[in-house]
Structure formats: C-alpha cells, structure tokens
PDB file of N, CA and C in Angstrom:
ATOM      1  N   MET A   1     138.889 -40.899  41.253  1.00  0.00           N
ATOM      2  CA  MET A   1     138.812 -40.419  42.533  1.00  0.00           C
ATOM      3  C   MET A   1     139.843 -39.189  42.987  1.00  0.00           C
ATOM      4  N   THR A   2     138.955 -38.459  44.175  1.00  0.00           N
ATOM      5  CA  THR A   2     140.249 -37.090  44.471  1.00  0.00           C
ATOM      6  C   THR A   2     140.787 -37.802  45.466  1.00  0.00           C
ATOM      7  N   ALA A   3     141.807 -36.813  46.008  1.00  0.00           N
ATOM      8  CA  ALA A   3     143.177 -37.018  46.971  1.00  0.00           C
ATOM      9  C   ALA A   3     142.076 -37.210  48.137  1.00  0.00           C
ATOM     10  N   PRO A   4     142.638 -37.854  49.370  1.00  0.00           N
ATOM     11  CA  PRO A   4     141.941 -37.489  50.756  1.00  0.00           C
ATOM     12  C   PRO A   4     142.228 -36.052  51.126  1.00  0.00           C
ATOM     13  N   ARG A   5     141.313 -35.807  51.607  1.00  0.00           N
ATOM     14  CA  ARG A   5     141.669 -34.067  52.772  1.00  0.00           C
ATOM     15  C   ARG A   5     142.382 -34.550  54.156  1.00  0.00           C
ATOM     16  N   HIS A   6     143.191 -34.016  54.241  1.00  0.00           N
ATOM     17  CA  HIS A   6     144.008 -34.262  55.227  1.00  0.00           C
ATOM     18  C   HIS A   6     143.488 -33.315  56.573  1.00  0.00           C
ATOM     19  N   VAL A   7     143.137 -34.239  57.860  1.00  0.00           N
ATOM     20  CA  VAL A   7     142.466 -33.415  58.706  1.00  0.00           C
ATOM     21  C   VAL A   7     143.388 -33.609  59.919  1.00  0.00           C
ATOM     22  N   PHE A   8     143.531 -32.574  60.926  1.00  0.00           N
ATOM     23  CA  PHE A   8     144.698 -32.480  61.779  1.00  0.00           C
ATOM     24  C   PHE A   8     143.714 -32.019  63.167  1.00  0.00           C
ATOM     25  N   TYR A   9     144.382 -33.061  64.095  1.00  0.00           N
ATOM     26  CA  TYR A   9     143.249 -33.138  65.447  1.00  0.00           C
ATOM     27  C   TYR A   9     144.443 -32.447  66.473  1.00  0.00           C
ATOM     28  N   ILE A  10     144.163 -31.675  67.183  1.00  0.00           N
ATOM     29  CA  ILE A  10     145.637 -30.989  67.673  1.00  0.00           C
ATOM     30  C   ILE A  10     145.216 -30.263  69.286  1.00  0.00           C
ATOM     31  N   SER A  11     145.660 -31.300  70.424  1.00  0.00           N
ATOM     32  CA  SER A  11     145.420 -30.916  71.229  1.00  0.00           C
ATOM     33  C   SER A  11     146.432 -30.781  72.408  1.00  0.00           C
ATOM     34  N   ASP A  12     146.071 -30.102  73.588  1.00  0.00           N
ATOM     35  CA  ASP A  12     146.872 -29.851  74.662  1.00  0.00           C
ATOM     36  C   ASP A  12     146.819 -30.891  75.419  1.00  0.00           C
ATOM     37  N   ARG A  13     145.876 -32.062  75.258  1.00  0.00           N
ATOM     38  CA  ARG A  13     145.659 -32.897  76.238  1.00  0.00           C
ATOM     39  C   ARG A  13     145.566 -34.432  75.159  1.00  0.00           C
ATOM     40  N   THR A  14     144.956 -35.369  75.579  1.00  0.00           N
ATOM     41  CA  THR A  14     144.911 -36.690  74.633  1.00  0.00           C
ATOM     42  C   THR A  14     144.336 -36.701  73.377  1.00  0.00           C
ATOM     43  N   GLY A  15     143.743 -35.648  73.257  1.00  0.00           N
ATOM     44  CA  GLY A  15     143.249 -35.753  71.795  1.00  0.00           C
ATOM     45  C   GLY A  15     141.919 -35.999  71.491  1.00  0.00           C
ATOM     46  N   LEU A  16     141.282 -36.687  72.581  1.00  0.00           N
ATOM     47  CA  LEU A  16     140.035 -37.720  72.186  1.00  0.00           C
ATOM     48  C   LEU A  16     138.843 -36.919  72.247  1.00  0.00           C
ATOM     49  N   THR A  17     138.467 -35.704  72.737  1.00  0.00           N
ATOM     50  CA  THR A  17     137.612 -34.925  72.453  1.00  0.00           C
ATOM     51  C   THR A  17     137.948 -34.013  71.344  1.00  0.00           C
ATOM     52  N   ALA A  18     138.905 -33.884  70.994  1.00  0.00           N
ATOM     53  CA  ALA A  18     139.229 -33.216  69.265  1.00  0.00           C
ATOM     54  C   ALA A  18     138.498 -34.500  68.454  1.00  0.00           C
ATOM     55  N   GLU A  19     139.231 -35.661  68.406  1.00  0.00           N
ATOM     56  CA  GLU A  19     138.753 -36.510  67.307  1.00  0.00           C
ATOM     57  C   GLU A  19     137.566 -36.610  67.601  1.00  0.00           C
ATOM     58  N   ASN A  20     136.462 -36.797  68.610  1.00  0.00           N
ATOM     59  CA  ASN A  20     134.996 -37.218  68.745  1.00  0.00           C
ATOM     60  C   ASN A  20     134.148 -35.952  68.062  1.00  0.00           C
ATOM     61  N   ILE A  21     134.750 -34.646  68.382  1.00  0.00           N
ATOM     62  CA  ILE A  21     133.905 -33.870  67.888  1.00  0.00           C
ATOM     63  C   ILE A  21     134.167 -33.680  66.351  1.00  0.00           C
ATOM     64  N   GLY A  22     135.557 -34.109  65.808  1.00  0.00           N
ATOM     65  CA  GLY A  22     135.911 -33.708  64.654  1.00  0.00           C
ATOM     66  C   GLY A  22     135.462 -35.198  63.677  1.00  0.00           C
ATOM     67  N   GLU A  23     135.172 -36.376  64.174  1.00  0.00           N
ATOM     68  CA  GLU A  23     134.620 -37.223  63.459  1.00  0.00           C
ATOM     69  C   GLU A  23     132.913 -36.904  63.270  1.00  0.00           C
ATOM     70  N   ALA A  24     132.496 -36.604  64.498  1.00  0.00           N
ATOM     71  CA  ALA A  24     131.104 -35.976  64.168  1.00  0.00           C
ATOM     72  C   ALA A  24     130.912 -34.986  63.199  1.00  0.00           C
ATOM     73  N   LEU A  25     131.674 -34.225  62.800  1.00  0.00           N
ATOM     74  CA  LEU A  25     131.774 -33.351  61.733  1.00  0.00           C
ATOM     75  C   LEU A  25     132.252 -33.806  60.360  1.00  0.00           C
ATOM     76  N   LEU A  26     133.075 -34.802  60.656  1.00  0.00           N
ATOM     77  CA  LEU A  26     133.430 -35.230  59.162  1.00  0.00           C
ATOM     78  C   LEU A  26     132.417 -36.247  58.303  1.00  0.00           C
ATOM     79  N   ASN A  27     131.636 -36.948  59.437  1.00  0.00           N
ATOM     80  CA  ASN A  27     130.885 -37.744  59.332  1.00  0.00           C
ATOM     81  C   ASN A  27     129.450 -37.141  58.338  1.00  0.00           C
ATOM     82  N   GLN A  28     129.380 -35.666  58.213  1.00  0.00           N
ATOM     83  CA  GLN A  28     128.602 -34.859  57.419  1.00  0.00           C
ATOM     84  C   GLN A  28     128.809 -34.943  55.814  1.00  0.00           C
ATOM     85  N   PHE A  29     129.909 -35.355  55.677  1.00  0.00           N
ATOM     86  CA  PHE A  29     130.656 -35.344  54.561  1.00  0.00           C
ATOM     87  C   PHE A  29     131.121 -36.564  54.097  1.00  0.00           C
ATOM     88  N   GLY A  30     129.802 -37.595  53.639  1.00  0.00           N
ATOM     89  CA  GLY A  30     130.316 -39.063  53.667  1.00  0.00           C
ATOM     90  C   GLY A  30     131.019 -39.304  52.294  1.00  0.00           C
ATOM     91  N   ARG A  31     131.025 -38.384  50.982  1.00  0.00           N
ATOM     92  CA  ARG A  31     131.461 -38.754  50.067  1.00  0.00           C
ATOM     93  C   ARG A  31     133.023 -38.285  49.777  1.00  0.00           C
ATOM     94  N   ILE A  32     133.446 -37.715  50.890  1.00  0.00           N
ATOM     95  CA  ILE A  32     134.781 -36.998  50.971  1.00  0.00           C
ATOM     96  C   ILE A  32     135.987 -38.185  51.654  1.00  0.00           C
ATOM     97  N   GLU A  33     136.773 -38.397  51.419  1.00  0.00           N
ATOM     98  CA  GLU A  33     137.837 -39.200  51.703  1.00  0.00           C
ATOM     99  C   GLU A  33     138.773 -38.423  52.765  1.00  0.00           C
ATOM    100  N   PHE A  34     138.879 -38.724  54.011  1.00  0.00           N
ATOM    101  CA  PHE A  34     139.620 -38.059  54.985  1.00  0.00           C
ATOM    102  C   PHE A  34     140.929 -38.720  55.614  1.00  0.00           C
ATOM    103  N   LYS A  35     142.131 -37.970  55.348  1.00  0.00           N
ATOM    104  CA  LYS A  35     143.520 -39.029  56.001  1.00  0.00           C
ATOM    105  C   LYS A  35     143.539 -38.267  57.528  1.00  0.00           C
ATOM    106  N   ARG A  36     143.363 -39.011  58.778  1.00  0.00           N
ATOM    107  CA  ARG A  36     143.466 -38.103  60.064  1.00  0.00           C
ATOM    108  C   ARG A  36     144.786 -38.089  60.450  1.00  0.00           C
ATOM    109  N   HIS A  37     145.609 -37.146  61.131  1.00  0.00           N
ATOM    110  CA  HIS A  37     146.418 -36.808  61.908  1.00  0.00           C
ATOM    111  C   HIS A  37     146.242 -36.471  63.451  1.00  0.00           C
ATOM    112  N   THR A  38     146.523 -36.745  64.230  1.00  0.00           N
ATOM    113  CA  THR A  38     146.296 -36.638  65.896  1.00  0.00           C
ATOM    114  C   THR A  38     147.696 -36.171  66.126  1.00  0.00           C
ATOM    115  N   TYR A  39     147.633 -35.286  67.122  1.00  0.00           N
ATOM    116  CA  TYR A  39     149.016 -34.649  67.756  1.00  0.00           C
ATOM    117  C   TYR A  39     148.495 -34.298  69.265  1.00  0.00           C
ATOM    118  N   PRO A  40     148.374 -35.356  69.976  1.00  0.00           N
ATOM    119  CA  PRO A  40     148.096 -35.021  71.369  1.00  0.00           C
ATOM    120  C   PRO A  40     149.260 -34.389  72.209  1.00  0.00           C
ATOM    121  N   PHE A  41     148.895 -33.815  73.497  1.00  0.00           N
ATOM    122  CA  PHE A  41     149.508 -33.152  74.112  1.00  0.00           C
ATOM    123  C   PHE A  41     150.733 -32.199  73.567  1.00  0.00           C
ATOM    124  N   ILE A  42     150.185 -31.158  72.697  1.00  0.00           N
ATOM    125  CA  ILE A  42     150.662 -30.063  72.222  1.00  0.00           C
ATOM    126  C   ILE A  42     150.512 -29.138  73.168  1.00  0.00           C
ATOM    127  N   ASP A  43     151.432 -28.796  74.110  1.00  0.00           N
ATOM    128  CA  ASP A  43     151.592 -28.060  75.489  1.00  0.00           C
ATOM    129  C   ASP A  43     152.504 -26.773  75.373  1.00  0.00           C
ATOM    130  N   THR A  44     153.116 -26.920  74.815  1.00  0.00           N
ATOM    131  CA  THR A  44     154.344 -25.938  74.835  1.00  0.00           C
ATOM    132  C   THR A  44     154.427 -25.231  73.187  1.00  0.00           C
ATOM    133  N   PRO A  45     154.826 -23.885  73.602  1.00  0.00           N
ATOM    134  CA  PRO A  45     155.128 -23.335  72.164  1.00  0.00           C
ATOM    135  C   PRO A  45     155.801 -24.194  71.265  1.00  0.00           C
ATOM    136  N   GLU A  46     157.213 -24.728  71.800  1.00  0.00           N
ATOM    137  CA  GLU A  46     157.832 -25.368  70.810  1.00  0.00           C
ATOM    138  C   GLU A  46     156.815 -26.296  70.228  1.00  0.00           C
ATOM    139  N   LYS A  47     156.239 -27.367  70.734  1.00  0.00           N
ATOM    140  CA  LYS A  47     155.442 -28.225  70.265  1.00  0.00           C
ATOM    141  C   LYS A  47     154.224 -27.648  69.344  1.00  0.00           C
ATOM    142  N   ALA A  48     154.037 -26.549  69.633  1.00  0.00           N
ATOM    143  CA  ALA A  48     152.897 -25.754  68.569  1.00  0.00           C
ATOM    144  C   ALA A  48     153.341 -25.616  67.615  1.00  0.00           C
ATOM    145  N   ARG A  49     154.712 -24.635  67.752  1.00  0.00           N
ATOM    146  CA  ARG A  49     155.463 -24.141  66.312  1.00  0.00           C
ATOM    147  C   ARG A  49     155.644 -25.474  65.281  1.00  0.00           C
ATOM    148  N   THR A  50     156.183 -26.597  65.840  1.00  0.00           N
ATOM    149  CA  THR A  50     156.376 -27.950  65.174  1.00  0.00           C
ATOM    150  C   THR A  50     155.027 -28.320  64.421  1.00  0.00           C
ATOM    151  N   VAL A  51     153.763 -28.498  65.143  1.00  0.00           N
ATOM    152  CA  VAL A  51     152.777 -28.958  64.320  1.00  0.00           C
ATOM    153  C   VAL A  51     152.366 -27.685  63.704  1.00  0.00           C
ATOM    154  N   VAL A  52     152.645 -26.597  63.678  1.00  0.00           N
ATOM    155  CA  VAL A  52     151.794 -25.569  62.301  1.00  0.00           C
ATOM    156  C   VAL A  52     153.192 -25.739  61.327  1.00  0.00           C
ATOM    157  N   GLU A  53     154.067 -26.228  61.661  1.00  0.00           N
ATOM    158  CA  GLU A  53     154.994 -26.402  60.529  1.00  0.00           C
ATOM    159  C   GLU A  53     154.642 -27.225  60.110  1.00  0.00           C
ATOM    160  N   ILE A  54     154.176 -28.931  60.309  1.00  0.00           N
ATOM    161  CA  ILE A  54     153.453 -29.622  59.619  1.00  0.00           C
ATOM    162  C   ILE A  54     152.513 -29.340  58.879  1.00  0.00           C
ATOM    163  N   VAL A  55     151.485 -28.668  59.875  1.00  0.00           N
ATOM    164  CA  VAL A  55     150.105 -28.400  58.733  1.00  0.00           C
ATOM    165  C   VAL A  55     150.488 -27.471  57.477  1.00  0.00           C
ATOM    166  N   ASN A  56     151.664 -26.588  57.497  1.00  0.00           N
ATOM    167  CA  ASN A  56     151.456 -25.812  56.603  1.00  0.00           C
ATOM    168  C   ASN A  56     152.151 -26.112  55.383  1.00  0.00           C
ATOM    169  N   ARG A  57     153.117 -27.125  55.939  1.00  0.00           N
ATOM    170  CA  ARG A  57     153.782 -28.001  54.622  1.00  0.00           C
ATOM    171  C   ARG A  57     152.570 -28.727  53.996  1.00  0.00           C
ATOM    172  N   ASN A  58     151.980 -29.357  54.665  1.00  0.00           N
ATOM    173  CA  ASN A  58     151.224 -30.218  53.953  1.00  0.00           C
ATOM    174  C   ASN A  58     149.974 -29.498  53.214  1.00  0.00           C
ATOM    175  N   ALA A  59     149.727 -28.382  53.598  1.00  0.00           N
ATOM    176  CA  ALA A  59     148.912 -27.240  52.909  1.00  0.00           C
ATOM    177  C   ALA A  59     149.627 -26.795  51.402  1.00  0.00           C
ATOM    178  N   LEU A  60     150.712 -26.217  51.576  1.00  0.00           N
ATOM    179  CA  LEU A  60     151.400 -26.399  50.686  1.00  0.00           C
ATOM    180  C   LEU A  60     151.771 -27.568  49.570  1.00  0.00           C
ATOM    181  N   GLU A  61     151.919 -28.469  50.087  1.00  0.00           N
ATOM    182  CA  GLU A  61     152.352 -29.966  48.852  1.00  0.00           C
ATOM    183  C   GLU A  61     150.555 -30.472  48.407  1.00  0.00           C
ATOM    184  N   LYS A  62     149.569 -30.240  49.118  1.00  0.00           N
ATOM    185  CA  LYS A  62     148.240 -30.441  48.908  1.00  0.00           C
ATOM    186  C   LYS A  62     147.415 -29.441  48.382  1.00  0.00           C
ATOM    187  N   ARG A  63     147.996 -27.866  48.313  1.00  0.00           N
ATOM    188  CA  ARG A  63     147.534 -27.303  47.675  1.00  0.00           C
ATOM    189  C   ARG A  63     145.851 -26.811  48.554  1.00  0.00           C
ATOM    190  N   PHE A  64     146.115 -27.000  49.487  1.00  0.00           N
ATOM    191  CA  PHE A  64     144.855 -26.699  50.565  1.00  0.00           C
ATOM    192  C   PHE A  64     145.003 -25.883  51.516  1.00  0.00           C
ATOM    193  N   ALA A  65     144.234 -24.943  51.705  1.00  0.00           N
ATOM    194  CA  ALA A  65     144.171 -24.165  53.062  1.00  0.00           C
ATOM    195  C   ALA A  65     143.839 -24.686  53.943  1.00  0.00           C
ATOM    196  N   PRO A  66     144.322 -24.560  55.067  1.00  0.00           N
ATOM    197  CA  PRO A  66     143.773 -25.332  56.360  1.00  0.00           C
ATOM    198  C   PRO A  66     142.474 -25.026  57.016  1.00  0.00           C
ATOM    199  N   ASP A  67     141.562 -25.385  57.218  1.00  0.00           N
ATOM    200  CA  ASP A  67     140.289 -25.127  57.869  1.00  0.00           C
ATOM    201  C   ASP A  67     140.649 -25.420  59.513  1.00  0.00           C
ATOM    202  N   CYS A  68     140.081 -24.600  60.431  1.00  0.00           N
ATOM    203  CA  CYS A  68     140.631 -24.607  61.453  1.00  0.00           C
ATOM    204  C   CYS A  68     139.312 -24.604  62.662  1.00  0.00           C
ATOM    205  N   LEU A  69     139.141 -25.757  63.421  1.00  0.00           N
ATOM    206  CA  LEU A  69     138.073 -25.460  64.400  1.00  0.00           C
ATOM    207  C   LEU A  69     138.657 -25.511  65.659  1.00  0.00           C
ATOM    208  N   ARG A  70     138.177 -24.577  66.604  1.00  0.00           N
ATOM    209  CA  ARG A  70     139.255 -24.521  67.794  1.00  0.00           C
ATOM    210  C   ARG A  70     137.870 -24.638  69.445  1.00  0.00           C
ATOM    211  N   GLN A  71     138.636 -25.762  70.012  1.00  0.00           N
ATOM    212  CA  GLN A  71     137.431 -25.773  71.299  1.00  0.00           C
ATOM    213  C   GLN A  71     138.021 -24.881  72.500  1.00  0.00           C
ATOM    214  N   ARG A  72     137.517 -24.111  72.903  1.00  0.00           N
ATOM    215  CA  ARG A  72     137.963 -23.229  73.828  1.00  0.00           C
ATOM    216  C   ARG A  72     137.723 -23.461  75.023  1.00  0.00           C
ATOM    217  N   ARG A  73     138.503 -23.622  75.935  1.00  0.00           N
ATOM    218  CA  ARG A  73     138.322 -23.956  77.138  1.00  0.00           C
ATOM    219  C   ARG A  73     137.633 -23.027  77.950  1.00  0.00           C
ATOM    220  N   GLN A  74     136.684 -23.420  79.150  1.00  0.00           N
ATOM    221  CA  GLN A  74     135.936 -22.388  79.989  1.00  0.00           C
ATOM    222  C   GLN A  74     136.652 -22.078  81.324  1.00  0.00           C
TER     223      GLN A  74
END
C-alpha cells in the first residue's frame, strides 16, 4: 500500500467550505488514501507564512509537490 497523500485545507474563516469542496473532490479518487490537515482562521500574513512552511516541509518530506485549489471571494 502506498503512503497517504496529505491534503491541506487552509481558510481565512472556519474552513468548512474548503473542507466540503475538498471532500467532494477527493471522493473522485476512491482508491487513494488521504491524510487531511485543516488550518482555519489564517487571516494574517504571519499565519499564512507559518502554514506555507508546514506545507513546504511536508512536500519535501513526502516528495510530493503540493497541488493548490483556491476559492476566490467575490
């Protein structure tokens, strides 16, 4: 069995919308195991830099480039 792919839900609010959209997307890949990480209330540059460091560190350790989906506010 392969190692799980790490998924990061990052939001400037609760993260519920990001999780819901993300789960709908991940359900399309039934045979892949995912480990989910949610980071809500990332609403300052400092918090964003911290999460970027976490994602980048994970990418280096797991040897997977991160894929990013962005929800744009209207």
